[in-house]
Amino acid sequence: MTSTSATQPRVSPIATLSPGYFALVMATGIIAIAAKQQQIDWLADVLYLISAGAYLVLVALVVIRAIAYSRQLVADLTSHAKGFGFLTIVAGTNVLASASAVIHGWWTLGEILWWCSLPLYVILLYTALISDVLRHHKPGLGAGINGSWFLLTVATESVAVFGALLFGHDPSDFLAFVCLAAFCLGLVLYLIVMTMVFLRWTFQPLEPTEADPPAWIAAGAVAITVLAGSNLLATRNVSPRIDRLGPLIEGLVTLAWATATFWFPVMVAIGIWRHIVRKVPLRYHPSYWALVFPLGMYGVATFKMRAVIKLDQLEWAPKITLAVALAAWTATFIGLLVQGGRAAGRRRPRVAATQSA
C-alpha cells in the first residue's frame, strides 16, 4: 500500500526556479574578471568556465520553464516582489559578454551576447514594470519592494558596461551615445528605487526575514555604475562626444563609488543583526549570489576607476576585495553543492519507493 505522501504530486524545481538565479553567473563572471585584473589567469579561466556553464544550464532551464510552466513564470514576472529578479538574465548575459572579451579576447561572442541582452532588457523590464503600474490591487511598500528592484539599475548599467568596452574596440558615435544614455538612465533609476527602499528601511519596521541578501544590490547597483562610467572614461581619446562630457562623467563616477562604499557598513550591520542578534539560520539560498556580486563588482569597478582617473592610492582596494569576494563565492558555491547533494539524496528514496509500490 502506497502512503499518502508518496502519492502526492511533487512540484518540479523547474516550475519554481528562482528568477534571480542568474546572479550566479553575474557573481562568478565578475570575480573571474577581477582575477584577470590581478593577473591570476588560472583562476580567471576556471571561474569563466563555471560562469559560462551555469549560464548555459540556466538558459536551458528558463526555456523549459517558459514552455512547460508558463503560468508560473508569468506569475513571477508580473509580481511586485519577484518580477525584477528576471533582470539578472540581462545582467548575467552582459557580465558573461564582458568576461569573454576581457579574459579571452572573444569580442565576437561578447558582441553576440550584448545584442541578445537588448531585447531581453526591453521585454523583461517593461513586462514587470508595466504590470506593476497597471495592476489594480497592489501590495504595500513593505511587501512590494525589496532589493531586487535595484536590478533596474544593474541591468541598465550592464548594457553600458559592455557597450563601452565594445565602443573602445570598435568605435561608433551612435554606440557612444547609447552607452551614455544607459549610464545616465541607470543613475536615475537608482535614485528612484533608493528613495523608496530607504523610506522603507527607515520608517517602517524591518523583520529579519525581509533583510535578505538582495538588499546588498543597493551597493552593487552603484558599483556597476562606477564600472560603466570608468569604461566610458577610458574611451575619451577616441570619442569627442564622451570627451566633452568627461568631467561630468568623472564626477558621477566619484559620486557612485562613494555611495557604494557608504552602503557596505550598513549591509554588514544588517547581516549581523539578522543572523547573530535575531538568530536567523545561515542556510544556502539562491539569493546569496546577490551578496557575492556586489563584492566582486566593487573590486573590479575600483580597479578600473583607479586606472582611468589616475588614483594610485587605491591600488590596495581591489586586491583585498577580490579575496573577500572569492571567500564569499566559495562559501556560497559549497552551499549550492551541498543543497544539490541533499536534493539528489531525497529524490533517490522517493524513486525507490515508487518502484517498490
Protein backbone atom coordinates (compact mmCIF):
# COMPACT_ATOMS: atom_id res chain seq x y z
CA MET A 1 0.00 0.00 0.00
CA THR A 2 1.37 3.39 -1.02
CA SER A 3 1.45 6.15 1.61
CA THR A 4 -0.36 9.43 1.09
CA SER A 5 2.89 11.39 0.97
CA ALA A 6 4.24 9.09 -1.71
CA THR A 7 1.23 9.63 -3.96
CA GLN A 8 1.15 13.42 -3.63
CA PRO A 9 2.28 15.19 -6.79
CA ARG A 10 5.72 16.67 -6.42
CA VAL A 11 6.29 20.22 -7.65
CA SER A 12 9.10 20.34 -10.18
CA PRO A 13 12.04 22.53 -9.10
CA ILE A 14 12.00 23.98 -12.62
CA ALA A 15 8.46 25.27 -12.06
CA THR A 16 9.64 27.21 -9.01
CA LEU A 17 13.08 28.17 -10.32
CA SER A 18 14.18 31.40 -8.68
CA PRO A 19 14.10 34.21 -11.25
CA GLY A 20 17.26 35.63 -9.73
CA TYR A 21 19.42 32.55 -10.23
CA PHE A 22 21.39 34.27 -12.99
CA ALA A 23 23.07 36.19 -10.16
CA LEU A 24 25.25 33.04 -10.00
CA VAL A 25 26.52 33.93 -13.48
CA MET A 26 26.91 37.59 -12.51
CA ALA A 27 28.89 36.84 -9.35
CA THR A 28 31.14 34.19 -10.91
CA GLY A 29 31.78 36.18 -14.08
CA ILE A 30 32.69 39.40 -12.30
CA ILE A 31 35.10 37.64 -9.93
CA ALA A 32 36.67 36.00 -12.99
CA ILE A 33 37.28 39.49 -14.39
CA ALA A 34 38.70 40.60 -11.02
CA ALA A 35 41.11 37.66 -11.12
CA LYS A 36 42.19 38.64 -14.63
CA GLN A 37 42.81 42.21 -13.44
CA GLN A 38 45.14 40.84 -10.76
CA GLN A 39 46.82 38.59 -13.37
CA ILE A 40 45.66 35.35 -11.74
CA ASP A 41 44.94 33.79 -15.11
CA TRP A 42 44.24 30.23 -13.98
CA LEU A 43 41.58 31.42 -11.54
CA ALA A 44 40.02 33.64 -14.18
CA ASP A 45 39.85 30.69 -16.59
CA VAL A 46 38.26 28.35 -14.03
CA LEU A 47 35.67 30.88 -12.92
CA TYR A 48 34.88 31.78 -16.53
CA LEU A 49 34.17 28.12 -17.31
CA ILE A 50 31.87 27.85 -14.29
CA SER A 51 30.09 31.07 -15.24
CA ALA A 52 29.62 30.03 -18.88
CA GLY A 53 28.48 26.54 -17.89
CA ALA A 54 25.99 27.92 -15.35
CA TYR A 55 24.71 30.36 -17.98
CA LEU A 56 24.02 27.58 -20.50
CA VAL A 57 22.29 25.40 -17.89
CA LEU A 58 20.14 28.28 -16.62
CA VAL A 59 19.14 29.34 -20.13
CA ALA A 60 18.01 25.78 -20.82
CA LEU A 61 16.04 25.67 -17.55
CA VAL A 62 14.35 29.02 -18.25
CA VAL A 63 13.36 27.86 -21.75
CA ILE A 64 11.91 24.64 -20.31
CA ARG A 65 10.07 26.65 -17.66
CA ALA A 66 8.68 29.02 -20.28
CA ILE A 67 7.33 26.06 -22.28
CA ALA A 68 6.20 23.68 -19.56
CA TYR A 69 5.36 26.06 -16.71
CA SER A 70 4.47 29.29 -18.46
CA ARG A 71 1.76 30.18 -15.94
CA GLN A 72 4.17 30.11 -13.00
CA LEU A 73 6.77 32.05 -14.97
CA VAL A 74 4.31 34.80 -15.93
CA ALA A 75 3.07 34.99 -12.34
CA ASP A 76 6.63 35.59 -11.12
CA LEU A 77 7.43 38.06 -13.90
CA THR A 78 4.38 40.17 -13.09
CA SER A 79 4.93 40.05 -9.32
CA HIS A 80 6.00 43.16 -7.41
CA ALA A 81 8.34 41.08 -5.26
CA LYS A 82 9.84 38.79 -7.94
CA GLY A 83 9.39 40.45 -11.33
CA PHE A 84 12.60 42.45 -11.46
CA GLY A 85 14.59 39.38 -10.44
CA PHE A 86 14.37 38.31 -14.10
CA LEU A 87 16.68 41.22 -14.97
CA THR A 88 19.53 39.09 -13.65
CA ILE A 89 19.24 37.36 -17.05
CA VAL A 90 20.19 40.65 -18.75
CA ALA A 91 22.97 41.47 -16.30
CA GLY A 92 24.31 37.91 -16.37
CA THR A 93 24.40 37.96 -20.17
CA ASN A 94 26.38 41.21 -20.20
CA VAL A 95 28.76 40.14 -17.44
CA LEU A 96 29.50 36.98 -19.43
CA ALA A 97 29.97 39.14 -22.54
CA SER A 98 32.47 41.33 -20.67
CA ALA A 99 34.30 38.31 -19.26
CA SER A 100 34.53 36.75 -22.74
CA ALA A 101 36.18 39.89 -24.10
CA VAL A 102 38.38 40.79 -21.13
CA ILE A 103 39.62 37.30 -20.24
CA HIS A 104 39.83 35.60 -23.65
CA GLY A 105 39.54 38.39 -26.20
CA TRP A 106 36.42 36.80 -27.67
CA TRP A 107 34.88 40.02 -28.94
CA THR A 108 32.54 38.37 -31.43
CA LEU A 109 30.98 36.19 -28.72
CA GLY A 110 30.74 39.19 -26.42
CA GLU A 111 29.02 41.27 -29.08
CA ILE A 112 26.52 38.48 -29.80
CA LEU A 113 25.67 38.21 -26.12
CA TRP A 114 25.33 42.00 -25.85
CA TRP A 115 22.91 42.16 -28.78
CA CYS A 116 20.89 39.31 -27.24
CA SER A 117 20.68 41.25 -23.97
CA LEU A 118 19.00 44.27 -25.58
CA PRO A 119 15.63 42.68 -26.49
CA LEU A 120 15.71 40.73 -23.22
CA TYR A 121 16.16 44.03 -21.38
CA VAL A 122 13.18 45.64 -23.10
CA ILE A 123 10.86 42.64 -22.73
CA LEU A 124 11.67 41.72 -19.13
CA LEU A 125 11.90 45.25 -17.76
CA TYR A 126 8.74 46.61 -19.31
CA THR A 127 6.68 43.48 -18.67
CA ALA A 128 7.48 43.66 -14.96
CA LEU A 129 7.24 47.45 -14.71
CA ILE A 130 4.02 47.91 -16.68
CA SER A 131 2.29 45.08 -14.81
CA ASP A 132 3.25 46.75 -11.51
CA VAL A 133 1.97 50.13 -12.69
CA LEU A 134 -1.35 48.92 -14.15
CA ARG A 135 -2.29 46.31 -11.53
CA HIS A 136 -5.37 47.42 -9.59
CA HIS A 137 -4.67 45.56 -6.35
CA LYS A 138 -1.16 46.43 -5.21
CA PRO A 139 0.82 45.43 -2.12
CA GLY A 140 2.03 47.98 0.38
CA LEU A 141 5.53 49.39 0.14
CA GLY A 142 6.86 46.95 2.73
CA ALA A 143 5.56 43.85 0.96
CA GLY A 144 6.06 45.01 -2.61
CA ILE A 145 9.57 46.42 -2.75
CA ASN A 146 12.87 44.72 -1.97
CA GLY A 147 16.50 44.78 -3.04
CA SER A 148 15.74 43.10 -6.37
CA TRP A 149 14.32 46.43 -7.59
CA PHE A 150 17.92 47.68 -7.79
CA LEU A 151 18.28 45.32 -10.73
CA LEU A 152 16.63 48.07 -12.76
CA THR A 153 19.93 49.92 -12.42
CA VAL A 154 22.16 46.85 -12.60
CA ALA A 155 20.64 45.63 -15.87
CA THR A 156 20.69 49.11 -17.42
CA GLU A 157 24.29 49.77 -16.43
CA SER A 158 25.35 46.31 -17.64
CA VAL A 159 24.33 47.41 -21.13
CA ALA A 160 26.63 50.43 -20.79
CA VAL A 161 29.48 48.38 -19.28
CA PHE A 162 29.98 46.08 -22.24
CA GLY A 163 28.78 48.66 -24.75
CA ALA A 164 31.63 50.94 -23.65
CA LEU A 165 34.13 48.08 -23.95
CA LEU A 166 32.79 47.33 -27.41
CA PHE A 167 32.99 51.01 -28.35
CA GLY A 168 36.64 51.11 -27.33
CA HIS A 169 37.28 48.07 -29.52
CA ASP A 170 35.21 49.25 -32.49
CA PRO A 171 34.33 52.98 -32.24
CA SER A 172 30.89 54.22 -33.28
CA ASP A 173 29.45 57.60 -32.36
CA PHE A 174 25.92 56.19 -32.05
CA LEU A 175 27.17 53.42 -29.75
CA ALA A 176 28.85 56.07 -27.61
CA PHE A 177 25.52 57.89 -27.35
CA VAL A 178 23.68 54.67 -26.42
CA CYS A 179 26.21 53.90 -23.69
CA LEU A 180 25.98 57.43 -22.30
CA ALA A 181 22.19 57.22 -22.30
CA ALA A 182 22.22 53.86 -20.49
CA PHE A 183 24.75 55.17 -17.96
CA CYS A 184 22.57 58.21 -17.16
CA LEU A 185 19.31 56.23 -17.10
CA GLY A 186 20.79 53.74 -14.66
CA LEU A 187 21.65 56.55 -12.27
CA VAL A 188 18.11 57.98 -12.45
CA LEU A 189 16.57 54.56 -11.81
CA TYR A 190 18.88 54.10 -8.81
CA LEU A 191 17.77 57.39 -7.29
CA ILE A 192 14.11 56.42 -7.71
CA VAL A 193 14.48 52.95 -6.19
CA MET A 194 16.88 54.02 -3.45
CA THR A 195 14.42 56.67 -2.29
CA MET A 196 11.65 54.08 -1.92
CA VAL A 197 13.88 51.46 -0.29
CA PHE A 198 15.43 53.98 2.11
CA LEU A 199 11.99 55.14 3.20
CA ARG A 200 11.01 51.50 3.68
CA TRP A 201 14.08 50.76 5.78
CA THR A 202 13.94 53.85 7.96
CA PHE A 203 10.23 54.48 8.53
CA GLN A 204 8.67 51.00 8.65
CA PRO A 205 9.50 48.03 10.90
CA LEU A 206 12.09 45.71 9.38
CA GLU A 207 11.71 42.00 10.04
CA PRO A 208 14.80 39.74 9.88
CA THR A 209 13.23 37.64 7.15
CA GLU A 210 12.88 40.75 4.97
CA ALA A 211 16.55 41.77 5.19
CA ASP A 212 17.56 39.24 2.56
CA PRO A 213 20.80 39.35 0.52
CA PRO A 214 19.24 41.20 -2.45
CA ALA A 215 19.49 44.29 -0.23
CA TRP A 216 23.21 44.13 -0.99
CA ILE A 217 22.37 45.10 -4.57
CA ALA A 218 21.98 48.63 -3.18
CA ALA A 219 25.78 48.68 -3.17
CA GLY A 220 26.17 46.55 -6.30
CA ALA A 221 23.97 48.86 -8.35
CA VAL A 222 26.22 51.87 -7.80
CA ALA A 223 29.37 49.74 -8.10
CA ILE A 224 28.39 48.67 -11.62
CA THR A 225 27.63 52.33 -12.33
CA VAL A 226 31.24 53.10 -11.40
CA LEU A 227 32.43 50.44 -13.86
CA ALA A 228 30.17 51.71 -16.65
CA GLY A 229 31.38 55.28 -16.18
CA SER A 230 35.01 54.21 -15.93
CA ASN A 231 34.73 52.20 -19.16
CA LEU A 232 33.31 55.31 -20.81
CA LEU A 233 36.14 57.50 -19.49
CA ALA A 234 38.64 55.02 -20.94
CA THR A 235 37.35 55.85 -24.44
CA ARG A 236 37.75 59.64 -24.22
CA ASN A 237 40.65 59.62 -26.67
CA VAL A 238 38.51 58.03 -29.43
CA SER A 239 35.20 59.83 -28.83
CA PRO A 240 34.79 63.61 -28.91
CA ARG A 241 31.25 63.12 -27.56
CA ILE A 242 32.47 61.34 -24.45
CA ASP A 243 35.49 63.62 -24.11
CA ARG A 244 33.20 66.68 -23.92
CA LEU A 245 31.36 65.06 -21.01
CA GLY A 246 34.48 63.69 -19.37
CA PRO A 247 34.47 65.94 -16.26
CA LEU A 248 30.77 65.26 -15.68
CA ILE A 249 31.24 61.51 -16.04
CA GLU A 250 34.20 61.55 -13.65
CA GLY A 251 32.12 63.44 -11.11
CA LEU A 252 29.29 60.93 -11.40
CA VAL A 253 31.73 58.02 -11.14
CA THR A 254 33.16 59.50 -7.95
CA LEU A 255 29.64 60.00 -6.60
CA ALA A 256 28.69 56.40 -7.39
CA TRP A 257 31.90 55.00 -5.86
CA ALA A 258 31.37 56.99 -2.67
CA THR A 259 27.76 55.78 -2.47
CA ALA A 260 28.76 52.13 -2.94
CA THR A 261 31.43 52.49 -0.25
CA PHE A 262 28.92 54.16 2.06
CA TRP A 263 26.45 51.28 1.84
CA PHE A 264 28.77 48.39 2.72
CA PRO A 265 28.89 49.07 6.51
CA VAL A 266 25.09 49.30 6.54
CA MET A 267 24.78 45.98 4.70
CA VAL A 268 27.22 44.32 7.11
CA ALA A 269 25.29 45.70 10.09
CA ILE A 270 22.03 44.32 8.69
CA GLY A 271 23.66 40.92 8.23
CA ILE A 272 24.97 40.88 11.83
CA TRP A 273 21.57 41.94 13.17
CA ARG A 274 19.81 39.31 11.07
CA HIS A 275 21.98 36.28 11.75
CA ILE A 276 23.62 36.99 15.13
CA VAL A 277 21.18 39.22 17.00
CA ARG A 278 17.94 37.79 15.60
CA LYS A 279 19.44 34.32 15.04
CA VAL A 280 18.12 33.70 11.54
CA PRO A 281 19.85 30.47 10.38
CA LEU A 282 22.51 30.96 7.74
CA ARG A 283 21.41 28.48 5.06
CA TYR A 284 22.09 28.44 1.35
CA HIS A 285 19.59 30.25 -0.84
CA PRO A 286 19.95 31.39 -4.48
CA SER A 287 19.59 34.99 -3.32
CA TYR A 288 23.01 34.79 -1.65
CA TRP A 289 24.60 35.19 -5.07
CA ALA A 290 23.21 38.73 -4.91
CA LEU A 291 25.53 39.25 -1.93
CA VAL A 292 28.61 37.93 -3.73
CA PHE A 293 28.08 40.02 -6.87
CA PRO A 294 28.41 43.48 -5.24
CA LEU A 295 31.66 42.43 -3.56
CA GLY A 296 33.20 41.33 -6.84
CA MET A 297 31.79 44.27 -8.77
CA TYR A 298 33.12 46.79 -6.25
CA GLY A 299 36.65 45.45 -6.67
CA VAL A 300 36.50 45.39 -10.48
CA ALA A 301 34.98 48.87 -10.61
CA THR A 302 37.54 50.31 -8.19
CA PHE A 303 40.38 48.80 -10.24
CA LYS A 304 39.08 50.36 -13.46
CA MET A 305 38.23 53.71 -11.86
CA ARG A 306 41.67 53.94 -10.26
CA ALA A 307 43.28 53.36 -13.65
CA VAL A 308 41.28 55.94 -15.62
CA ILE A 309 41.37 58.77 -13.07
CA LYS A 310 45.00 58.07 -12.04
CA LEU A 311 44.37 57.43 -8.34
CA ASP A 312 47.20 55.15 -7.25
CA GLN A 313 46.31 55.44 -3.56
CA LEU A 314 43.50 52.91 -4.07
CA GLU A 315 45.75 50.23 -5.57
CA TRP A 316 45.31 48.02 -2.49
CA ALA A 317 41.48 48.01 -2.51
CA PRO A 318 40.78 45.67 -5.49
CA LYS A 319 43.20 43.05 -4.10
CA ILE A 320 41.53 42.93 -0.71
CA THR A 321 38.06 43.00 -2.26
CA LEU A 322 38.95 40.08 -4.54
CA ALA A 323 39.99 38.00 -1.51
CA VAL A 324 36.75 38.80 0.33
CA ALA A 325 34.58 38.22 -2.76
CA LEU A 326 36.32 34.92 -3.52
CA ALA A 327 35.78 33.72 0.06
CA ALA A 328 32.08 34.63 -0.16
CA TRP A 329 31.82 32.95 -3.58
CA THR A 330 33.45 29.76 -2.28
CA ALA A 331 31.13 29.53 0.72
CA THR A 332 28.07 30.12 -1.45
CA PHE A 333 29.19 27.64 -4.10
CA ILE A 334 29.79 24.97 -1.44
CA GLY A 335 26.26 25.69 -0.15
CA LEU A 336 24.92 25.16 -3.67
CA LEU A 337 26.72 21.82 -3.99
CA VAL A 338 25.55 20.65 -0.55
CA GLN A 339 21.96 21.59 -1.30
CA GLY A 340 22.15 19.82 -4.64
CA GLY A 341 23.53 16.70 -3.00
CA ARG A 342 20.78 16.69 -0.38
CA ALA A 343 18.11 17.16 -3.03
CA ALA A 344 19.50 14.22 -5.01
CA GLY A 345 19.61 12.13 -1.84
CA ARG A 346 15.94 12.87 -1.10
CA ARG A 347 14.94 12.04 -4.64
CA ARG A 348 16.50 8.56 -4.66
CA PRO A 349 14.35 7.16 -1.81
CA ARG A 350 11.22 8.50 -3.50
CA VAL A 351 12.16 6.79 -6.74
CA ALA A 352 12.89 3.55 -4.90
CA ALA A 353 9.58 3.75 -3.00
CA THR A 354 7.64 4.33 -6.22
CA GLN A 355 9.30 1.36 -7.93
CA SER A 356 8.60 -0.95 -4.96
CA ALA A 357 4.96 0.13 -4.85
